């Protein structure tokens, strides 16, 4: 009789351990998703960019049972003025007589003198400027200009610490909720 109770208790404690591990993983993943959403909201308050474009630039590598670590990965490619072969125009970019004007930061219109909007032979649309150098055929070289670098969006120390502190707060809250859910599930 005592052995049967001991086996049952061991089984219950083993299941609680699995539930606790599962709760930690779920809490980590949800906290990362919430922190990324908050970070993107912070970026959108400052910069004139769509949320759908930001979602493409960041990915979350989720925590698993074997790897209880969450990584928020930001791509290093700069954000162009046009996306999706020119069908999506970002930053309210416009061609003017003097160059190209756009709104990178909310409420602040900027202009790049002598820049122009062009469609390449491949169908790629972008904002370009002449470099002053010539190629072998005697044509002046052009280079594409980009609006933002995603890596530089989070450079200020205040932004990084704010995101980390928020992630810690959310993780603690989510962990408590997931523990409660695991304990209720174990009944």
Protein backbone atom coordinates (compact mmCIF):
# COMPACT_ATOMS: atom_id res chain seq x y z
CA UNK A 1 0.00 0.00 0.00
CA UNK A 2 2.80 2.45 0.94
CA UNK A 3 4.70 1.61 -2.30
CA UNK A 4 1.60 2.37 -4.40
CA UNK A 5 1.15 5.76 -2.72
CA UNK A 6 4.87 6.51 -3.12
CA UNK A 7 4.69 5.67 -6.88
CA UNK A 8 1.60 7.86 -7.29
CA UNK A 9 3.31 10.75 -5.49
CA UNK A 10 6.44 10.40 -7.64
CA UNK A 11 4.27 10.45 -10.76
CA UNK A 12 2.47 13.60 -9.57
CA UNK A 13 5.78 15.40 -8.82
CA UNK A 14 7.20 14.36 -12.21
CA UNK A 15 4.14 15.79 -13.94
CA UNK A 16 4.38 19.03 -11.94
CA UNK A 17 8.03 19.37 -13.05
CA UNK A 18 6.99 18.95 -16.69
CA UNK A 19 4.18 21.47 -16.23
CA UNK A 20 6.60 23.98 -14.67
CA UNK A 21 9.05 23.60 -17.58
CA UNK A 22 6.22 23.97 -20.08
CA UNK A 23 4.98 27.08 -18.25
CA UNK A 24 8.46 28.66 -18.39
CA UNK A 25 8.71 28.09 -22.14
CA UNK A 26 5.23 29.46 -22.83
CA UNK A 27 5.90 32.50 -20.63
CA UNK A 28 9.21 33.21 -22.39
CA UNK A 29 7.65 32.99 -25.85
CA UNK A 30 4.68 35.18 -24.95
CA UNK A 31 6.89 37.76 -23.21
CA UNK A 32 9.13 37.96 -26.29
CA UNK A 33 6.16 38.42 -28.59
CA UNK A 34 4.74 41.17 -26.35
CA UNK A 35 8.13 42.91 -26.08
CA UNK A 36 8.57 42.85 -29.87
CA UNK A 37 5.08 44.30 -30.35
CA UNK A 38 5.84 47.04 -27.83
CA UNK A 39 9.17 47.76 -29.53
CA UNK A 40 7.51 48.03 -32.94
CA UNK A 41 4.88 50.35 -31.48
CA UNK A 42 7.68 52.52 -30.06
CA UNK A 43 9.36 52.64 -33.49
CA UNK A 44 6.09 53.53 -35.22
CA UNK A 45 5.51 56.44 -32.82
CA UNK A 46 8.81 57.96 -33.93
CA UNK A 47 9.16 56.81 -37.55
CA UNK A 48 6.68 56.89 -40.41
CA UNK A 49 6.63 53.16 -41.21
CA UNK A 50 3.92 50.53 -41.49
CA UNK A 51 3.65 47.75 -38.91
CA UNK A 52 3.51 45.12 -41.67
CA UNK A 53 6.94 46.22 -42.92
CA UNK A 54 8.41 46.09 -39.41
CA UNK A 55 6.99 42.59 -38.91
CA UNK A 56 8.97 41.44 -41.94
CA UNK A 57 12.20 42.82 -40.48
CA UNK A 58 12.08 41.07 -37.12
CA UNK A 59 11.66 37.41 -36.23
CA UNK A 60 11.40 35.58 -32.94
CA UNK A 61 13.34 32.37 -32.41
CA UNK A 62 11.10 30.70 -29.85
CA UNK A 63 12.17 28.82 -26.74
CA UNK A 64 11.79 25.04 -26.73
CA UNK A 65 12.19 22.29 -24.18
CA UNK A 66 15.77 21.67 -25.31
CA UNK A 67 16.66 25.34 -25.78
CA UNK A 68 14.93 27.57 -23.19
CA UNK A 69 16.18 30.79 -24.80
CA UNK A 70 14.25 33.37 -26.82
CA UNK A 71 15.99 35.49 -29.45
CA UNK A 72 14.54 38.50 -31.23
CA UNK A 73 16.41 38.70 -34.50
CA UNK A 74 16.44 41.88 -36.58
CA UNK A 75 17.54 41.75 -40.18
CA UNK A 76 20.43 43.94 -41.24
CA UNK A 77 19.04 44.92 -44.64
CA UNK A 78 18.18 48.61 -44.81
CA UNK A 79 14.60 49.69 -45.43
CA UNK A 80 14.16 51.07 -48.94
CA UNK A 81 11.71 53.77 -49.99
CA UNK A 82 9.80 51.23 -52.10
CA UNK A 83 9.03 47.58 -51.28
CA UNK A 84 7.54 44.68 -53.24
CA UNK A 85 8.87 45.70 -56.67
CA UNK A 86 7.62 49.25 -56.27
CA UNK A 87 4.02 48.41 -55.42
CA UNK A 88 4.41 49.59 -51.81
CA UNK A 89 5.56 53.19 -51.36
CA UNK A 90 6.99 53.92 -47.91
CA UNK A 91 7.69 57.15 -46.05
CA UNK A 92 5.37 59.19 -48.33
CA UNK A 93 8.17 59.53 -50.88
CA UNK A 94 7.57 62.02 -53.75
CA UNK A 95 9.53 63.27 -56.71
CA UNK A 96 9.86 67.06 -56.76
CA UNK A 97 11.67 69.51 -59.04
CA UNK A 98 14.56 69.78 -56.61
CA UNK A 99 14.85 66.09 -55.74
CA UNK A 100 12.97 63.57 -53.63
CA UNK A 101 11.03 64.49 -50.50
CA UNK A 102 9.92 62.02 -47.85
CA UNK A 103 8.78 61.75 -44.24
CA UNK A 104 11.15 59.50 -42.29
CA UNK A 105 10.23 60.77 -38.83
CA UNK A 106 6.63 61.63 -38.12
CA UNK A 107 5.87 65.27 -38.83
CA UNK A 108 9.30 66.04 -40.36
CA UNK A 109 9.48 66.24 -44.13
CA UNK A 110 13.00 65.81 -45.55
CA UNK A 111 14.41 66.37 -49.01
CA UNK A 112 17.36 64.82 -50.81
CA UNK A 113 18.52 67.26 -53.47
CA UNK A 114 19.35 65.84 -56.92
CA UNK A 115 17.83 62.46 -56.09
CA UNK A 116 15.30 60.81 -58.36
CA UNK A 117 12.82 57.94 -58.40
CA UNK A 118 13.52 55.41 -61.13
CA UNK A 119 12.45 51.96 -62.26
CA UNK A 120 15.29 49.61 -63.16
CA UNK A 121 15.13 47.17 -66.07
CA UNK A 122 14.44 44.38 -63.58
CA UNK A 123 11.29 46.20 -62.40
CA UNK A 124 12.87 47.35 -59.12
CA UNK A 125 11.74 50.83 -58.11
CA UNK A 126 13.91 52.95 -55.86
CA UNK A 127 15.34 56.33 -54.97
CA UNK A 128 18.72 56.94 -56.59
CA UNK A 129 21.39 59.61 -56.82
CA UNK A 130 24.31 60.12 -59.19
CA UNK A 131 27.76 59.43 -57.71
CA UNK A 132 29.87 61.58 -60.03
CA UNK A 133 31.88 58.57 -61.22
CA UNK A 134 31.65 57.06 -64.69
CA UNK A 135 31.64 53.44 -65.83
CA UNK A 136 33.42 51.95 -68.89
CA UNK A 137 30.61 52.97 -71.28
CA UNK A 138 30.90 56.62 -70.20
CA UNK A 139 27.62 56.57 -68.22
CA UNK A 140 27.47 58.20 -64.84
CA UNK A 141 27.10 55.68 -62.00
CA UNK A 142 24.09 55.82 -59.71
CA UNK A 143 23.55 54.40 -56.23
CA UNK A 144 20.37 53.52 -54.41
CA UNK A 145 19.46 55.41 -51.27
CA UNK A 146 17.73 53.83 -48.29
CA UNK A 147 15.42 55.36 -45.72
CA UNK A 148 16.28 53.50 -42.50
CA UNK A 149 18.64 50.90 -41.12
CA UNK A 150 16.73 48.56 -38.74
CA UNK A 151 19.85 47.93 -36.67
CA UNK A 152 20.10 51.64 -35.86
CA UNK A 153 16.48 51.92 -34.73
CA UNK A 154 17.30 50.36 -31.36
CA UNK A 155 20.73 51.95 -30.88
CA UNK A 156 19.86 54.43 -28.09
CA UNK A 157 20.68 52.87 -24.72
CA UNK A 158 17.39 54.11 -23.26
CA UNK A 159 15.46 52.10 -25.86
CA UNK A 160 17.38 48.90 -25.15
CA UNK A 161 17.06 49.17 -21.39
CA UNK A 162 13.37 50.04 -21.69
CA UNK A 163 12.73 46.94 -23.82
CA UNK A 164 14.73 44.69 -21.47
CA UNK A 165 12.96 46.01 -18.37
CA UNK A 166 9.58 45.62 -20.04
CA UNK A 167 10.48 42.06 -21.11
CA UNK A 168 11.43 41.17 -17.51
CA UNK A 169 8.17 42.60 -16.16
CA UNK A 170 6.05 40.80 -18.74
CA UNK A 171 7.97 37.56 -18.22
CA UNK A 172 7.32 37.58 -14.48
CA UNK A 173 3.62 38.25 -15.01
CA UNK A 174 3.30 35.61 -17.75
CA UNK A 175 5.25 33.07 -15.68
CA UNK A 176 2.92 33.51 -12.72
CA UNK A 177 -0.14 33.10 -14.97
CA UNK A 178 1.31 30.03 -16.69
CA UNK A 179 2.17 28.45 -13.32
CA UNK A 180 -1.41 28.97 -12.19
CA UNK A 181 -2.68 27.50 -15.45
CA UNK A 182 -0.34 24.50 -15.08
CA UNK A 183 -1.49 23.87 -11.54
CA UNK A 184 -5.15 24.09 -12.57
CA UNK A 185 -4.47 21.75 -15.48
CA UNK A 186 -2.84 19.23 -13.11
CA UNK A 187 -5.97 18.90 -10.95
